[in-house]
Amino acid sequence: MVAGQRVRLLLDTHVVLDLFRAPKEFSAGVLATIRDPETHVAVSAASVWEIEIERKKGTLTTPPDVMRRIRIAGFSQLAITSQHAVAAARLPLHHRDPFDRMLVAQAQIEGLTIVTSDHDIPKYQVAVLAA
């Protein structure tokens, strides 16, 4: 992160979930950056969609109040636009997961740094903060 500039983050889906389930899994530096009131932290509609799909399939157990927790944490909600959709579709296939590809496109367009531990995301031209 560049000193003097406001940090702007986009949380990967697993980071959103882990913040609510096991925040101790993150380094003190990552947690401090996310919790800093000067940091802009966004959660994509793609992540909420992915969470709800996995919950419905029974492959993910999460608290049913994820949206409430996102609001309480003060995270902004990032909608999916047509521009995001086109950019995601045009990305190289370094990553097959459409939700992660959407996050990459959103981060690129919106000038956000993705907080993730996914090893495929840094293959794109996008800023990453390792979770």
N, C-alpha and C. Protein backbone atom coordinates (compact mmCIF):
# COMPACT_ATOMS: atom_id res chain seq x y z
N MET A 1 0.83 -1.17 0.00
CA MET A 1 0.00 0.00 0.00
C MET A 1 0.89 1.24 0.00
N VAL A 2 0.48 2.26 -0.71
CA VAL A 2 1.26 3.48 -0.84
C VAL A 2 0.92 4.42 0.32
N ALA A 3 1.95 4.89 1.01
CA ALA A 3 1.74 5.79 2.13
C ALA A 3 1.07 7.07 1.65
N GLY A 4 0.12 7.56 2.44
CA GLY A 4 -0.55 8.80 2.12
C GLY A 4 -1.77 8.65 1.24
N GLN A 5 -1.98 7.48 0.63
CA GLN A 5 -3.16 7.25 -0.19
C GLN A 5 -4.17 6.43 0.60
N ARG A 6 -5.45 6.73 0.39
CA ARG A 6 -6.50 5.95 1.05
C ARG A 6 -6.51 4.54 0.48
N VAL A 7 -6.49 3.57 1.35
CA VAL A 7 -6.51 2.17 0.93
C VAL A 7 -7.93 1.80 0.53
N ARG A 8 -8.06 1.14 -0.63
CA ARG A 8 -9.37 0.72 -1.14
C ARG A 8 -9.32 -0.77 -1.43
N LEU A 9 -10.08 -1.52 -0.64
CA LEU A 9 -10.02 -2.98 -0.71
C LEU A 9 -11.31 -3.58 -1.23
N LEU A 10 -11.17 -4.74 -1.89
CA LEU A 10 -12.29 -5.59 -2.26
C LEU A 10 -12.01 -6.95 -1.64
N LEU A 11 -12.90 -7.42 -0.79
CA LEU A 11 -12.68 -8.69 -0.09
C LEU A 11 -13.11 -9.86 -0.95
N ASP A 12 -12.23 -10.86 -1.08
CA ASP A 12 -12.60 -12.11 -1.73
C ASP A 12 -13.65 -12.79 -0.85
N THR A 13 -14.45 -13.64 -1.44
CA THR A 13 -15.55 -14.29 -0.72
C THR A 13 -15.06 -15.02 0.51
N HIS A 14 -13.98 -15.77 0.38
CA HIS A 14 -13.48 -16.53 1.54
C HIS A 14 -13.01 -15.59 2.65
N VAL A 15 -12.54 -14.41 2.29
CA VAL A 15 -12.10 -13.44 3.30
C VAL A 15 -13.31 -12.91 4.06
N VAL A 16 -14.38 -12.61 3.35
CA VAL A 16 -15.61 -12.15 4.01
C VAL A 16 -16.04 -13.18 5.04
N LEU A 17 -16.11 -14.43 4.62
CA LEU A 17 -16.56 -15.49 5.51
C LEU A 17 -15.62 -15.68 6.69
N ASP A 18 -14.32 -15.69 6.42
CA ASP A 18 -13.34 -15.91 7.50
C ASP A 18 -13.31 -14.75 8.49
N LEU A 19 -13.60 -13.54 8.04
CA LEU A 19 -13.65 -12.41 8.97
C LEU A 19 -14.75 -12.61 10.01
N PHE A 20 -15.84 -13.24 9.59
CA PHE A 20 -16.95 -13.46 10.51
C PHE A 20 -16.80 -14.76 11.29
N ARG A 21 -16.04 -15.71 10.76
CA ARG A 21 -15.88 -17.02 11.42
C ARG A 21 -14.60 -17.12 12.22
N ALA A 22 -13.49 -16.71 11.64
CA ALA A 22 -12.18 -16.94 12.27
C ALA A 22 -11.20 -15.82 11.94
N PRO A 23 -11.44 -14.61 12.46
CA PRO A 23 -10.54 -13.51 12.11
C PRO A 23 -9.10 -13.72 12.57
N LYS A 24 -8.91 -14.62 13.52
CA LYS A 24 -7.54 -14.89 13.99
C LYS A 24 -6.68 -15.54 12.92
N GLU A 25 -7.30 -16.00 11.84
CA GLU A 25 -6.57 -16.63 10.75
C GLU A 25 -5.77 -15.62 9.93
N PHE A 26 -6.08 -14.34 10.06
CA PHE A 26 -5.41 -13.30 9.29
C PHE A 26 -4.24 -12.73 10.09
N SER A 27 -3.26 -12.20 9.37
CA SER A 27 -2.15 -11.53 10.05
C SER A 27 -2.66 -10.26 10.71
N ALA A 28 -1.93 -9.81 11.72
CA ALA A 28 -2.30 -8.58 12.42
C ALA A 28 -2.33 -7.41 11.45
N GLY A 29 -1.39 -7.38 10.49
CA GLY A 29 -1.34 -6.28 9.53
C GLY A 29 -2.55 -6.23 8.61
N VAL A 30 -2.99 -7.40 8.13
CA VAL A 30 -4.16 -7.45 7.26
C VAL A 30 -5.39 -7.03 8.04
N LEU A 31 -5.56 -7.56 9.24
CA LEU A 31 -6.72 -7.19 10.06
C LEU A 31 -6.72 -5.70 10.37
N ALA A 32 -5.56 -5.17 10.70
CA ALA A 32 -5.47 -3.74 11.02
C ALA A 32 -5.86 -2.89 9.80
N THR A 33 -5.43 -3.30 8.62
CA THR A 33 -5.75 -2.56 7.40
C THR A 33 -7.25 -2.60 7.13
N ILE A 34 -7.86 -3.77 7.26
CA ILE A 34 -9.30 -3.91 7.03
C ILE A 34 -10.09 -3.11 8.06
N ARG A 35 -9.65 -3.13 9.30
CA ARG A 35 -10.39 -2.48 10.39
C ARG A 35 -10.11 -0.98 10.51
N ASP A 36 -9.11 -0.49 9.81
CA ASP A 36 -8.78 0.93 9.87
C ASP A 36 -9.95 1.75 9.33
N PRO A 37 -10.47 2.70 10.09
CA PRO A 37 -11.62 3.49 9.62
C PRO A 37 -11.32 4.29 8.36
N GLU A 38 -10.06 4.51 8.04
CA GLU A 38 -9.69 5.23 6.82
C GLU A 38 -9.66 4.33 5.59
N THR A 39 -9.75 3.02 5.80
CA THR A 39 -9.73 2.07 4.68
C THR A 39 -11.14 1.90 4.14
N HIS A 40 -11.26 2.02 2.82
CA HIS A 40 -12.53 1.73 2.15
C HIS A 40 -12.54 0.23 1.88
N VAL A 41 -13.53 -0.48 2.44
CA VAL A 41 -13.63 -1.93 2.26
C VAL A 41 -14.95 -2.24 1.57
N ALA A 42 -14.86 -2.94 0.44
CA ALA A 42 -16.05 -3.29 -0.33
C ALA A 42 -16.23 -4.80 -0.39
N VAL A 43 -17.50 -5.20 -0.47
CA VAL A 43 -17.87 -6.59 -0.70
C VAL A 43 -18.74 -6.60 -1.95
N SER A 44 -18.38 -7.43 -2.90
CA SER A 44 -19.09 -7.50 -4.16
C SER A 44 -20.40 -8.28 -4.04
N ALA A 45 -21.36 -7.85 -4.83
CA ALA A 45 -22.60 -8.62 -4.95
C ALA A 45 -22.29 -10.04 -5.41
N ALA A 46 -21.20 -10.21 -6.16
CA ALA A 46 -20.80 -11.54 -6.62
C ALA A 46 -20.48 -12.45 -5.44
N SER A 47 -19.85 -11.90 -4.40
CA SER A 47 -19.52 -12.70 -3.22
C SER A 47 -20.78 -13.11 -2.47
N VAL A 48 -21.71 -12.16 -2.32
CA VAL A 48 -22.97 -12.48 -1.63
C VAL A 48 -23.72 -13.55 -2.41
N TRP A 49 -23.74 -13.42 -3.71
CA TRP A 49 -24.40 -14.39 -4.60
C TRP A 49 -23.75 -15.77 -4.42
N GLU A 50 -22.42 -15.79 -4.45
CA GLU A 50 -21.69 -17.06 -4.30
C GLU A 50 -22.00 -17.70 -2.94
N ILE A 51 -21.99 -16.92 -1.89
CA ILE A 51 -22.28 -17.44 -0.55
C ILE A 51 -23.67 -18.05 -0.51
N GLU A 52 -24.65 -17.36 -1.05
CA GLU A 52 -26.02 -17.86 -1.01
C GLU A 52 -26.22 -19.10 -1.86
N ILE A 53 -25.54 -19.18 -3.01
CA ILE A 53 -25.61 -20.38 -3.85
C ILE A 53 -25.02 -21.57 -3.10
N GLU A 54 -23.85 -21.39 -2.51
CA GLU A 54 -23.20 -22.49 -1.79
C GLU A 54 -24.01 -22.90 -0.55
N ARG A 55 -24.61 -21.94 0.13
CA ARG A 55 -25.45 -22.26 1.29
C ARG A 55 -26.65 -23.11 0.85
N LYS A 56 -27.29 -22.70 -0.24
CA LYS A 56 -28.47 -23.43 -0.74
C LYS A 56 -28.11 -24.86 -1.15
N LYS A 57 -26.91 -25.03 -1.76
CA LYS A 57 -26.47 -26.37 -2.16
C LYS A 57 -26.07 -27.22 -0.96
N GLY A 58 -25.87 -26.59 0.17
CA GLY A 58 -25.46 -27.32 1.36
C GLY A 58 -23.97 -27.52 1.47
N THR A 59 -23.19 -26.84 0.63
CA THR A 59 -21.73 -27.00 0.66
C THR A 59 -21.04 -25.96 1.54
N LEU A 60 -21.85 -25.09 2.15
CA LEU A 60 -21.27 -24.03 2.96
C LEU A 60 -22.18 -23.75 4.14
N THR A 61 -21.61 -23.78 5.30
CA THR A 61 -22.39 -23.40 6.48
C THR A 61 -21.87 -22.04 6.95
N THR A 62 -22.73 -21.08 6.89
CA THR A 62 -22.39 -19.73 7.33
C THR A 62 -23.56 -19.19 8.13
N PRO A 63 -23.30 -18.18 8.89
CA PRO A 63 -24.43 -17.54 9.57
C PRO A 63 -25.41 -17.02 8.53
N PRO A 64 -26.70 -17.11 8.80
CA PRO A 64 -27.69 -16.66 7.81
C PRO A 64 -27.74 -15.14 7.68
N ASP A 65 -27.04 -14.44 8.54
CA ASP A 65 -27.11 -12.98 8.56
C ASP A 65 -25.86 -12.31 7.98
N VAL A 66 -25.30 -12.88 6.93
CA VAL A 66 -24.08 -12.35 6.34
C VAL A 66 -24.27 -10.89 5.91
N MET A 67 -25.40 -10.57 5.27
CA MET A 67 -25.63 -9.20 4.82
C MET A 67 -25.67 -8.24 6.01
N ARG A 68 -26.29 -8.63 7.09
CA ARG A 68 -26.34 -7.78 8.29
C ARG A 68 -24.93 -7.56 8.82
N ARG A 69 -24.14 -8.61 8.86
CA ARG A 69 -22.76 -8.50 9.34
C ARG A 69 -21.91 -7.60 8.45
N ILE A 70 -22.15 -7.65 7.15
CA ILE A 70 -21.44 -6.78 6.21
C ILE A 70 -21.78 -5.32 6.52
N ARG A 71 -23.06 -5.05 6.73
CA ARG A 71 -23.49 -3.68 7.04
C ARG A 71 -22.91 -3.22 8.38
N ILE A 72 -22.99 -4.07 9.40
CA ILE A 72 -22.48 -3.71 10.73
C ILE A 72 -20.98 -3.42 10.68
N ALA A 73 -20.25 -4.19 9.87
CA ALA A 73 -18.80 -4.00 9.74
C ALA A 73 -18.48 -2.69 9.02
N GLY A 74 -19.48 -2.10 8.37
CA GLY A 74 -19.25 -0.84 7.65
C GLY A 74 -18.69 -1.02 6.26
N PHE A 75 -18.74 -2.24 5.74
CA PHE A 75 -18.25 -2.50 4.40
C PHE A 75 -19.26 -1.97 3.38
N SER A 76 -18.75 -1.41 2.29
CA SER A 76 -19.66 -0.95 1.24
C SER A 76 -20.03 -2.15 0.37
N GLN A 77 -21.16 -2.03 -0.30
CA GLN A 77 -21.61 -3.09 -1.20
C GLN A 77 -21.33 -2.63 -2.63
N LEU A 78 -20.65 -3.50 -3.38
CA LEU A 78 -20.29 -3.20 -4.76
C LEU A 78 -21.21 -3.97 -5.70
N ALA A 79 -22.03 -3.23 -6.43
CA ALA A 79 -22.94 -3.84 -7.39
C ALA A 79 -22.17 -4.32 -8.62
N ILE A 80 -22.78 -5.24 -9.34
CA ILE A 80 -22.21 -5.72 -10.60
C ILE A 80 -22.83 -4.90 -11.73
N THR A 81 -21.98 -4.29 -12.54
CA THR A 81 -22.46 -3.51 -13.68
C THR A 81 -22.21 -4.27 -14.98
N SER A 82 -22.80 -3.77 -16.04
CA SER A 82 -22.54 -4.36 -17.36
C SER A 82 -21.07 -4.23 -17.73
N GLN A 83 -20.44 -3.12 -17.36
CA GLN A 83 -19.02 -2.94 -17.62
C GLN A 83 -18.20 -4.01 -16.91
N HIS A 84 -18.56 -4.32 -15.69
CA HIS A 84 -17.87 -5.39 -14.95
C HIS A 84 -18.06 -6.73 -15.66
N ALA A 85 -19.29 -6.99 -16.11
CA ALA A 85 -19.59 -8.27 -16.76
C ALA A 85 -18.78 -8.45 -18.05
N VAL A 86 -18.70 -7.40 -18.85
CA VAL A 86 -17.93 -7.48 -20.09
C VAL A 86 -16.45 -7.71 -19.77
N ALA A 87 -15.93 -6.97 -18.81
CA ALA A 87 -14.51 -7.11 -18.45
C ALA A 87 -14.21 -8.51 -17.92
N ALA A 88 -15.10 -9.05 -17.09
CA ALA A 88 -14.89 -10.40 -16.54
C ALA A 88 -14.88 -11.43 -17.66
N ALA A 89 -15.77 -11.29 -18.61
CA ALA A 89 -15.85 -12.24 -19.73
C ALA A 89 -14.62 -12.18 -20.62
N ARG A 90 -13.96 -11.04 -20.65
CA ARG A 90 -12.80 -10.86 -21.53
C ARG A 90 -11.47 -11.19 -20.86
N LEU A 91 -11.49 -11.53 -19.59
CA LEU A 91 -10.24 -11.86 -18.90
C LEU A 91 -9.65 -13.16 -19.43
N PRO A 92 -8.33 -13.27 -19.42
CA PRO A 92 -7.71 -14.56 -19.76
C PRO A 92 -8.18 -15.62 -18.76
N LEU A 93 -8.17 -16.86 -19.16
CA LEU A 93 -8.69 -17.93 -18.32
C LEU A 93 -7.67 -18.47 -17.31
N HIS A 94 -6.99 -17.57 -16.61
CA HIS A 94 -6.10 -18.00 -15.54
C HIS A 94 -6.90 -18.65 -14.41
N HIS A 95 -8.13 -18.24 -14.29
CA HIS A 95 -8.99 -18.71 -13.20
C HIS A 95 -10.32 -19.11 -13.81
N ARG A 96 -10.82 -20.29 -13.48
CA ARG A 96 -12.07 -20.79 -14.07
C ARG A 96 -13.30 -20.37 -13.28
N ASP A 97 -13.12 -19.95 -12.02
CA ASP A 97 -14.26 -19.58 -11.17
C ASP A 97 -14.84 -18.24 -11.63
N PRO A 98 -16.10 -18.22 -12.09
CA PRO A 98 -16.67 -16.97 -12.60
C PRO A 98 -16.82 -15.90 -11.52
N PHE A 99 -17.01 -16.29 -10.28
CA PHE A 99 -17.12 -15.31 -9.20
C PHE A 99 -15.78 -14.61 -8.98
N ASP A 100 -14.70 -15.36 -8.97
CA ASP A 100 -13.39 -14.76 -8.80
C ASP A 100 -13.01 -13.90 -9.99
N ARG A 101 -13.40 -14.32 -11.18
CA ARG A 101 -13.13 -13.51 -12.37
C ARG A 101 -13.89 -12.19 -12.29
N MET A 102 -15.10 -12.22 -11.75
CA MET A 102 -15.87 -10.99 -11.57
C MET A 102 -15.16 -10.07 -10.58
N LEU A 103 -14.65 -10.63 -9.49
CA LEU A 103 -13.94 -9.82 -8.50
C LEU A 103 -12.72 -9.15 -9.12
N VAL A 104 -12.00 -9.89 -9.95
CA VAL A 104 -10.82 -9.33 -10.63
C VAL A 104 -11.25 -8.16 -11.51
N ALA A 105 -12.29 -8.37 -12.31
CA ALA A 105 -12.76 -7.31 -13.21
C ALA A 105 -13.20 -6.08 -12.41
N GLN A 106 -13.93 -6.31 -11.34
CA GLN A 106 -14.39 -5.18 -10.53
C GLN A 106 -13.20 -4.43 -9.91
N ALA A 107 -12.24 -5.17 -9.41
CA ALA A 107 -11.07 -4.53 -8.81
C ALA A 107 -10.31 -3.71 -9.85
N GLN A 108 -10.15 -4.25 -11.04
CA GLN A 108 -9.45 -3.53 -12.10
C GLN A 108 -10.18 -2.24 -12.46
N ILE A 109 -11.47 -2.33 -12.66
CA ILE A 109 -12.25 -1.17 -13.10
C ILE A 109 -12.39 -0.13 -12.00
N GLU A 110 -12.59 -0.58 -10.77
CA GLU A 110 -12.85 0.34 -9.66
C GLU A 110 -11.59 0.78 -8.93
N GLY A 111 -10.43 0.25 -9.33
CA GLY A 111 -9.18 0.64 -8.68
C GLY A 111 -9.06 0.12 -7.26
N LEU A 112 -9.47 -1.12 -7.05
CA LEU A 112 -9.46 -1.74 -5.72
C LEU A 112 -8.36 -2.78 -5.63
N THR A 113 -7.90 -3.03 -4.42
CA THR A 113 -6.95 -4.10 -4.12
C THR A 113 -7.74 -5.27 -3.58
N ILE A 114 -7.56 -6.46 -4.17
CA ILE A 114 -8.27 -7.65 -3.70
C ILE A 114 -7.53 -8.26 -2.52
N VAL A 115 -8.27 -8.51 -1.44
CA VAL A 115 -7.72 -9.22 -0.29
C VAL A 115 -8.08 -10.69 -0.49
N THR A 116 -7.06 -11.53 -0.68
CA THR A 116 -7.31 -12.94 -1.01
C THR A 116 -6.11 -13.80 -0.66
N SER A 117 -6.37 -15.09 -0.54
CA SER A 117 -5.27 -16.06 -0.45
C SER A 117 -5.27 -16.97 -1.67
N ASP A 118 -6.10 -16.65 -2.65
CA ASP A 118 -6.21 -17.42 -3.89
C ASP A 118 -4.95 -17.19 -4.72
N HIS A 119 -4.26 -18.26 -5.07
CA HIS A 119 -2.99 -18.15 -5.78
C HIS A 119 -3.15 -17.82 -7.26
N ASP A 120 -4.36 -17.95 -7.81
CA ASP A 120 -4.57 -17.65 -9.22
C ASP A 120 -4.85 -16.16 -9.47
N ILE A 121 -5.38 -15.46 -8.50
CA ILE A 121 -5.75 -14.06 -8.70
C ILE A 121 -4.55 -13.18 -9.05
N PRO A 122 -3.39 -13.35 -8.42
CA PRO A 122 -2.25 -12.50 -8.80
C PRO A 122 -1.75 -12.71 -10.24
N LYS A 123 -2.25 -13.72 -10.94
CA LYS A 123 -1.88 -13.93 -12.33
C LYS A 123 -2.47 -12.84 -13.23
N TYR A 124 -3.47 -12.12 -12.72
CA TYR A 124 -4.08 -11.03 -13.45
C TYR A 124 -3.38 -9.72 -13.10
N GLN A 125 -3.59 -8.73 -13.90
CA GLN A 125 -3.04 -7.40 -13.61
C GLN A 125 -3.98 -6.70 -12.65
N VAL A 126 -3.82 -7.05 -11.37
CA VAL A 126 -4.68 -6.49 -10.32
C VAL A 126 -3.86 -6.44 -9.03
N ALA A 127 -4.11 -5.40 -8.25
CA ALA A 127 -3.41 -5.29 -6.95
C ALA A 127 -4.00 -6.31 -5.98
N VAL A 128 -3.11 -6.96 -5.22
CA VAL A 128 -3.52 -8.01 -4.27
C VAL A 128 -2.90 -7.75 -2.93
N LEU A 129 -3.69 -7.92 -1.88
CA LEU A 129 -3.19 -7.95 -0.51
C LEU A 129 -3.37 -9.38 -0.04
N ALA A 130 -2.27 -10.07 0.24
CA ALA A 130 -2.34 -11.48 0.62
C ALA A 130 -2.98 -11.62 1.98
N ALA A 131 -4.04 -12.43 2.01
CA ALA A 131 -4.76 -12.67 3.26
C ALA A 131 -4.09 -13.74 4.08
